[in-house]
Amino acid sequence: MATMPRPTNLRRTERRANRPATKLRFARALAWVAALAAGVAVTPSIQADATASHKVVVRVEPISALTLEGGDIELAVPQAPDGGPASAADESCSLNWMTNQAGQKITVASSLGDPQLPLTVEAVSAQGGSAVGSVVLGQAAQDLVVGLSRGLGHCGLRYVAQASGLDQPAPEVHVVTYTLTDLQ
C-alpha cells in the first residue's frame, strides 16, 4: 500500500529558511549601530563638520550656423553684337548666419577646378560682418565676409559670370560652398 505524503506547513518552512539570514542581518545592523555610537561618543565634532565638495563647470557650446536662401542659379551670358566680352548677373540668393563666438568668418569655394568662364561672387549689404568685395571662385576657400559679430547676420549674394565673344557655348557647373569658420 502506498503511503500518503504528509502535508507540510509552508509558513514554518519559510521561517526556518529565513531565520539564519535574519540573524545575520540583525548582527550586521547591531555592529553598525555600535560603530556609529562609538564614533559619536569619541569624536562628536567630526559628524558636525563633515562636508563633501566637487567642482561643477558650466559652459556654453559654440554656435556656428549658416544657411543659404534661394535655389540653384543659371547664368546665361548673352552674345555681344560686336563679339566682345559680355556678362550676366544674379542676386536672388542670400546667406544668414548665427554665432556666439568672436573671430569668425565666412569663406567660399567652388567645386570646379579649372573654369574657362570666370565666375565671381560678392557679399552685398552685409550686416553682422564686413564683406571683402568681389571674389573670383576657385577650389581654394577664400574669405567672403570677415569680422562676424556675435549674434545674427546676413548678406545678399551677387554672382557675375563673364564670357568673351569667342568662348564656346558649353556650360560649366559650379557647386559653391560657404563655410562659417574661425578667423585666421
C-alpha atoms as a PDB file:
ATOM      1  CA  MET A   1       0.000   0.000   0.000  1.00  0.00           C
ATOM      2  CA  ALA A   2       1.294   3.424  -0.947  1.00  0.00           C
ATOM      3  CA  THR A   3       1.950   5.917   1.743  1.00  0.00           C
ATOM      4  CA  MET A   4       0.328   9.281   1.523  1.00  0.00           C
ATOM      5  CA  PRO A   5       2.604  12.280   1.686  1.00  0.00           C
ATOM      6  CA  ARG A   6       2.257  14.290   4.834  1.00  0.00           C
ATOM      7  CA  PRO A   7       1.035  17.855   4.438  1.00  0.00           C
ATOM      8  CA  THR A   8       3.756  20.401   5.102  1.00  0.00           C
ATOM      9  CA  ASN A   9       3.363  23.675   6.849  1.00  0.00           C
ATOM     10  CA  LEU A  10       4.866  26.090   4.281  1.00  0.00           C
ATOM     11  CA  ARG A  11       4.946  29.039   6.686  1.00  0.00           C
ATOM     12  CA  ARG A  12       7.083  27.158   9.174  1.00  0.00           C
ATOM     13  CA  THR A  13       9.463  26.011   6.398  1.00  0.00           C
ATOM     14  CA  GLU A  14       9.847  29.601   5.062  1.00  0.00           C
ATOM     15  CA  ARG A  15      10.512  30.980   8.548  1.00  0.00           C
ATOM     16  CA  ARG A  16      13.209  28.410   9.154  1.00  0.00           C
ATOM     17  CA  ALA A  17      14.856  29.190   5.799  1.00  0.00           C
ATOM     18  CA  ASN A  18      14.918  32.923   6.557  1.00  0.00           C
ATOM     19  CA  ARG A  19      15.975  32.609  10.166  1.00  0.00           C
ATOM     20  CA  PRO A  20      19.784  32.486   9.594  1.00  0.00           C
ATOM     21  CA  ALA A  21      19.624  35.413   7.130  1.00  0.00           C
ATOM     22  CA  THR A  22      17.570  37.441   9.613  1.00  0.00           C
ATOM     23  CA  LYS A  23      20.030  36.730  12.436  1.00  0.00           C
ATOM     24  CA  LEU A  24      22.916  37.712  10.148  1.00  0.00           C
ATOM     25  CA  ARG A  25      21.198  40.945   9.098  1.00  0.00           C
ATOM     26  CA  PHE A  26      20.432  41.808  12.708  1.00  0.00           C
ATOM     27  CA  ALA A  27      24.054  41.169  13.737  1.00  0.00           C
ATOM     28  CA  ARG A  28      25.329  43.438  10.938  1.00  0.00           C
ATOM     29  CA  ALA A  29      22.884  46.195  11.836  1.00  0.00           C
ATOM     30  CA  LEU A  30      23.880  45.918  15.511  1.00  0.00           C
ATOM     31  CA  ALA A  31      27.568  46.187  14.552  1.00  0.00           C
ATOM     32  CA  TRP A  32      26.861  49.374  12.507  1.00  0.00           C
ATOM     33  CA  VAL A  33      24.916  50.930  15.352  1.00  0.00           C
ATOM     34  CA  ALA A  34      27.708  50.120  17.808  1.00  0.00           C
ATOM     35  CA  ALA A  35      30.350  51.564  15.461  1.00  0.00           C
ATOM     36  CA  LEU A  36      28.361  54.747  14.928  1.00  0.00           C
ATOM     37  CA  ALA A  37      27.703  55.138  18.628  1.00  0.00           C
ATOM     38  CA  ALA A  38      31.383  54.670  19.425  1.00  0.00           C
ATOM     39  CA  GLY A  39      32.339  57.230  16.762  1.00  0.00           C
ATOM     40  CA  VAL A  40      29.840  59.782  18.005  1.00  0.00           C
ATOM     41  CA  ALA A  41      30.884  59.264  21.620  1.00  0.00           C
ATOM     42  CA  VAL A  42      34.590  59.656  20.868  1.00  0.00           C
ATOM     43  CA  THR A  43      34.547  62.447  18.242  1.00  0.00           C
ATOM     44  CA  PRO A  44      31.302  64.402  18.154  1.00  0.00           C
ATOM     45  CA  SER A  45      32.864  67.257  16.116  1.00  0.00           C
ATOM     46  CA  ILE A  46      33.615  65.005  13.121  1.00  0.00           C
ATOM     47  CA  GLN A  47      29.945  64.453  12.432  1.00  0.00           C
ATOM     48  CA  ALA A  48      29.076  68.128  12.799  1.00  0.00           C
ATOM     49  CA  ASP A  49      31.907  69.294  10.487  1.00  0.00           C
ATOM     50  CA  ALA A  50      31.579  66.585   7.804  1.00  0.00           C
ATOM     51  CA  THR A  51      31.453  68.081   4.300  1.00  0.00           C
ATOM     52  CA  ALA A  52      31.932  66.972   0.726  1.00  0.00           C
ATOM     53  CA  SER A  53      32.528  69.062  -2.361  1.00  0.00           C
ATOM     54  CA  HIS A  54      33.267  68.885  -6.061  1.00  0.00           C
ATOM     55  CA  LYS A  55      33.722  71.293  -8.953  1.00  0.00           C
ATOM     56  CA  VAL A  56      30.930  71.962 -11.455  1.00  0.00           C
ATOM     57  CA  VAL A  57      31.904  73.609 -14.742  1.00  0.00           C
ATOM     58  CA  VAL A  58      29.174  75.342 -16.703  1.00  0.00           C
ATOM     59  CA  ARG A  59      29.960  76.242 -20.304  1.00  0.00           C
ATOM     60  CA  VAL A  60      28.062  77.312 -23.372  1.00  0.00           C
ATOM     61  CA  GLU A  61      28.505  75.249 -26.501  1.00  0.00           C
ATOM     62  CA  PRO A  62      29.773  77.203 -29.530  1.00  0.00           C
ATOM     63  CA  ILE A  63      27.163  78.050 -32.134  1.00  0.00           C
ATOM     64  CA  SER A  64      28.103  78.382 -35.783  1.00  0.00           C
ATOM     65  CA  ALA A  65      25.049  78.176 -38.028  1.00  0.00           C
ATOM     66  CA  LEU A  66      24.921  79.152 -41.694  1.00  0.00           C
ATOM     67  CA  THR A  67      22.008  78.890 -44.123  1.00  0.00           C
ATOM     68  CA  LEU A  68      21.745  79.654 -47.825  1.00  0.00           C
ATOM     69  CA  GLU A  69      18.445  81.023 -49.084  1.00  0.00           C
ATOM     70  CA  GLY A  70      17.489  80.757 -52.725  1.00  0.00           C
ATOM     71  CA  GLY A  71      17.757  77.919 -55.177  1.00  0.00           C
ATOM     72  CA  ASP A  72      20.083  76.864 -57.927  1.00  0.00           C
ATOM     73  CA  ILE A  73      21.090  79.575 -60.371  1.00  0.00           C
ATOM     74  CA  GLU A  74      21.648  79.511 -64.120  1.00  0.00           C
ATOM     75  CA  LEU A  75      23.537  82.435 -65.616  1.00  0.00           C
ATOM     76  CA  ALA A  76      23.165  82.751 -69.398  1.00  0.00           C
ATOM     77  CA  VAL A  77      25.744  85.169 -70.791  1.00  0.00           C
ATOM     78  CA  PRO A  78      24.364  86.776 -73.958  1.00  0.00           C
ATOM     79  CA  GLN A  79      26.468  87.133 -77.094  1.00  0.00           C
ATOM     80  CA  ALA A  80      27.623  90.719 -77.580  1.00  0.00           C
ATOM     81  CA  PRO A  81      26.726  92.094 -81.012  1.00  0.00           C
ATOM     82  CA  ASP A  82      30.341  93.036 -81.688  1.00  0.00           C
ATOM     83  CA  GLY A  83      31.745  89.716 -80.403  1.00  0.00           C
ATOM     84  CA  GLY A  84      33.234  91.426 -77.353  1.00  0.00           C
ATOM     85  CA  PRO A  85      33.019  90.422 -73.692  1.00  0.00           C
ATOM     86  CA  ALA A  86      29.626  90.131 -72.029  1.00  0.00           C
ATOM     87  CA  SER A  87      28.357  89.243 -68.559  1.00  0.00           C
ATOM     88  CA  ALA A  88      25.287  88.040 -66.701  1.00  0.00           C
ATOM     89  CA  ALA A  89      24.444  88.660 -63.025  1.00  0.00           C
ATOM     90  CA  ASP A  90      22.103  87.234 -60.401  1.00  0.00           C
ATOM     91  CA  GLU A  91      21.199  88.465 -56.903  1.00  0.00           C
ATOM     92  CA  SER A  92      18.449  86.007 -55.964  1.00  0.00           C
ATOM     93  CA  CYS A  93      20.298  84.266 -53.115  1.00  0.00           C
ATOM     94  CA  SER A  94      21.384  85.297 -49.617  1.00  0.00           C
ATOM     95  CA  LEU A  95      23.263  83.979 -46.606  1.00  0.00           C
ATOM     96  CA  ASN A  96      22.061  84.028 -42.985  1.00  0.00           C
ATOM     97  CA  TRP A  97      24.289  83.163 -40.048  1.00  0.00           C
ATOM     98  CA  MET A  98      24.335  82.972 -36.278  1.00  0.00           C
ATOM     99  CA  THR A  99      27.347  82.669 -33.989  1.00  0.00           C
ATOM    100  CA  ASN A 100      28.106  83.196 -30.301  1.00  0.00           C
ATOM    101  CA  GLN A 101      31.863  83.436 -30.881  1.00  0.00           C
ATOM    102  CA  ALA A 102      34.034  86.386 -31.828  1.00  0.00           C
ATOM    103  CA  GLY A 103      36.597  85.960 -34.586  1.00  0.00           C
ATOM    104  CA  GLN A 104      34.511  84.102 -37.147  1.00  0.00           C
ATOM    105  CA  LYS A 105      34.428  84.490 -40.930  1.00  0.00           C
ATOM    106  CA  ILE A 106      32.621  83.060 -43.955  1.00  0.00           C
ATOM    107  CA  THR A 107      34.642  81.544 -46.784  1.00  0.00           C
ATOM    108  CA  VAL A 108      33.550  80.490 -50.264  1.00  0.00           C
ATOM    109  CA  ALA A 109      34.902  77.871 -52.693  1.00  0.00           C
ATOM    110  CA  SER A 110      33.844  76.215 -55.947  1.00  0.00           C
ATOM    111  CA  SER A 111      33.958  72.549 -56.895  1.00  0.00           C
ATOM    112  CA  LEU A 112      35.162  73.391 -60.400  1.00  0.00           C
ATOM    113  CA  GLY A 113      38.934  73.042 -60.623  1.00  0.00           C
ATOM    114  CA  ASP A 114      39.789  74.918 -63.811  1.00  0.00           C
ATOM    115  CA  PRO A 115      36.857  77.021 -65.053  1.00  0.00           C
ATOM    116  CA  GLN A 116      37.079  78.569 -68.513  1.00  0.00           C
ATOM    117  CA  LEU A 117      34.453  81.194 -67.739  1.00  0.00           C
ATOM    118  CA  PRO A 118      35.213  83.429 -64.733  1.00  0.00           C
ATOM    119  CA  LEU A 119      32.520  83.426 -62.046  1.00  0.00           C
ATOM    120  CA  THR A 120      32.608  85.909 -59.176  1.00  0.00           C
ATOM    121  CA  VAL A 121      30.526  86.246 -56.027  1.00  0.00           C
ATOM    122  CA  GLU A 122      30.159  89.252 -53.754  1.00  0.00           C
ATOM    123  CA  ALA A 123      28.506  89.669 -50.363  1.00  0.00           C
ATOM    124  CA  VAL A 124      26.061  92.558 -50.769  1.00  0.00           C
ATOM    125  CA  SER A 125      24.708  94.657 -47.871  1.00  0.00           C
ATOM    126  CA  ALA A 126      26.415  92.547 -45.215  1.00  0.00           C
ATOM    127  CA  GLN A 127      25.103  93.082 -41.686  1.00  0.00           C
ATOM    128  CA  GLY A 128      26.916  91.472 -38.752  1.00  0.00           C
ATOM    129  CA  GLY A 129      30.262  91.282 -40.595  1.00  0.00           C
ATOM    130  CA  SER A 130      32.462  93.001 -43.182  1.00  0.00           C
ATOM    131  CA  ALA A 131      32.280  91.999 -46.866  1.00  0.00           C
ATOM    132  CA  VAL A 132      35.663  91.700 -48.599  1.00  0.00           C
ATOM    133  CA  GLY A 133      34.376  92.544 -52.101  1.00  0.00           C
ATOM    134  CA  SER A 134      34.117  90.503 -55.267  1.00  0.00           C
ATOM    135  CA  VAL A 135      35.810  87.070 -55.141  1.00  0.00           C
ATOM    136  CA  VAL A 136      36.737  85.017 -58.229  1.00  0.00           C
ATOM    137  CA  LEU A 137      35.582  81.488 -57.432  1.00  0.00           C
ATOM    138  CA  GLY A 138      38.108  78.642 -57.400  1.00  0.00           C
ATOM    139  CA  GLN A 139      38.672  75.422 -55.485  1.00  0.00           C
ATOM    140  CA  ALA A 140      40.625  77.108 -52.688  1.00  0.00           C
ATOM    141  CA  ALA A 141      38.434  78.634 -49.955  1.00  0.00           C
ATOM    142  CA  GLN A 142      38.564  82.429 -49.949  1.00  0.00           C
ATOM    143  CA  ASP A 143      37.259  84.981 -47.465  1.00  0.00           C
ATOM    144  CA  LEU A 144      33.874  86.464 -48.327  1.00  0.00           C
ATOM    145  CA  VAL A 145      32.706  88.041 -45.019  1.00  0.00           C
ATOM    146  CA  VAL A 146      35.106  88.626 -42.093  1.00  0.00           C
ATOM    147  CA  GLY A 147      34.865  90.020 -38.568  1.00  0.00           C
ATOM    148  CA  LEU A 148      31.491  88.477 -37.778  1.00  0.00           C
ATOM    149  CA  SER A 149      29.925  89.887 -34.643  1.00  0.00           C
ATOM    150  CA  ARG A 150      28.170  87.682 -32.098  1.00  0.00           C
ATOM    151  CA  GLY A 151      24.534  87.194 -32.945  1.00  0.00           C
ATOM    152  CA  LEU A 152      22.666  87.125 -36.228  1.00  0.00           C
ATOM    153  CA  GLY A 153      23.935  88.363 -39.573  1.00  0.00           C
ATOM    154  CA  HIS A 154      23.037  88.231 -43.240  1.00  0.00           C
ATOM    155  CA  CYS A 155      24.053  89.374 -46.710  1.00  0.00           C
ATOM    156  CA  GLY A 156      22.836  89.154 -50.260  1.00  0.00           C
ATOM    157  CA  LEU A 157      24.891  87.263 -52.845  1.00  0.00           C
ATOM    158  CA  ARG A 158      25.688  88.745 -56.235  1.00  0.00           C
ATOM    159  CA  TYR A 159      27.033  86.322 -58.848  1.00  0.00           C
ATOM    160  CA  VAL A 160      28.559  87.592 -62.089  1.00  0.00           C
ATOM    161  CA  ALA A 161      29.622  85.339 -64.985  1.00  0.00           C
ATOM    162  CA  GLN A 162      31.736  86.698 -67.819  1.00  0.00           C
ATOM    163  CA  ALA A 163      32.479  85.435 -71.317  1.00  0.00           C
ATOM    164  CA  SER A 164      34.249  86.730 -74.374  1.00  0.00           C
ATOM    165  CA  GLY A 165      32.679  86.510 -77.797  1.00  0.00           C
ATOM    166  CA  LEU A 166      34.983  83.590 -78.631  1.00  0.00           C
ATOM    167  CA  ASP A 167      34.066  81.277 -75.715  1.00  0.00           C
ATOM    168  CA  GLN A 168      32.356  78.005 -76.620  1.00  0.00           C
ATOM    169  CA  PRO A 169      28.743  77.701 -75.503  1.00  0.00           C
ATOM    170  CA  ALA A 170      29.459  74.715 -73.209  1.00  0.00           C
ATOM    171  CA  PRO A 171      28.037  75.033 -69.656  1.00  0.00           C
ATOM    172  CA  GLU A 172      30.254  74.963 -66.588  1.00  0.00           C
ATOM    173  CA  VAL A 173      28.689  73.715 -63.364  1.00  0.00           C
ATOM    174  CA  HIS A 174      29.984  75.088 -60.058  1.00  0.00           C
ATOM    175  CA  VAL A 175      28.934  73.693 -56.686  1.00  0.00           C
ATOM    176  CA  VAL A 176      29.563  76.718 -54.475  1.00  0.00           C
ATOM    177  CA  THR A 177      30.237  76.003 -50.790  1.00  0.00           C
ATOM    178  CA  TYR A 178      30.076  78.575 -47.993  1.00  0.00           C
ATOM    179  CA  THR A 179      31.727  77.822 -44.651  1.00  0.00           C
ATOM    180  CA  LEU A 180      31.467  79.666 -41.323  1.00  0.00           C
ATOM    181  CA  THR A 181      34.843  79.179 -39.654  1.00  0.00           C
ATOM    182  CA  ASP A 182      37.406  80.707 -37.283  1.00  0.00           C
ATOM    183  CA  LEU A 183      39.137  83.885 -38.414  1.00  0.00           C
ATOM    184  CA  GLN A 184      42.784  83.083 -39.138  1.00  0.00           C
END
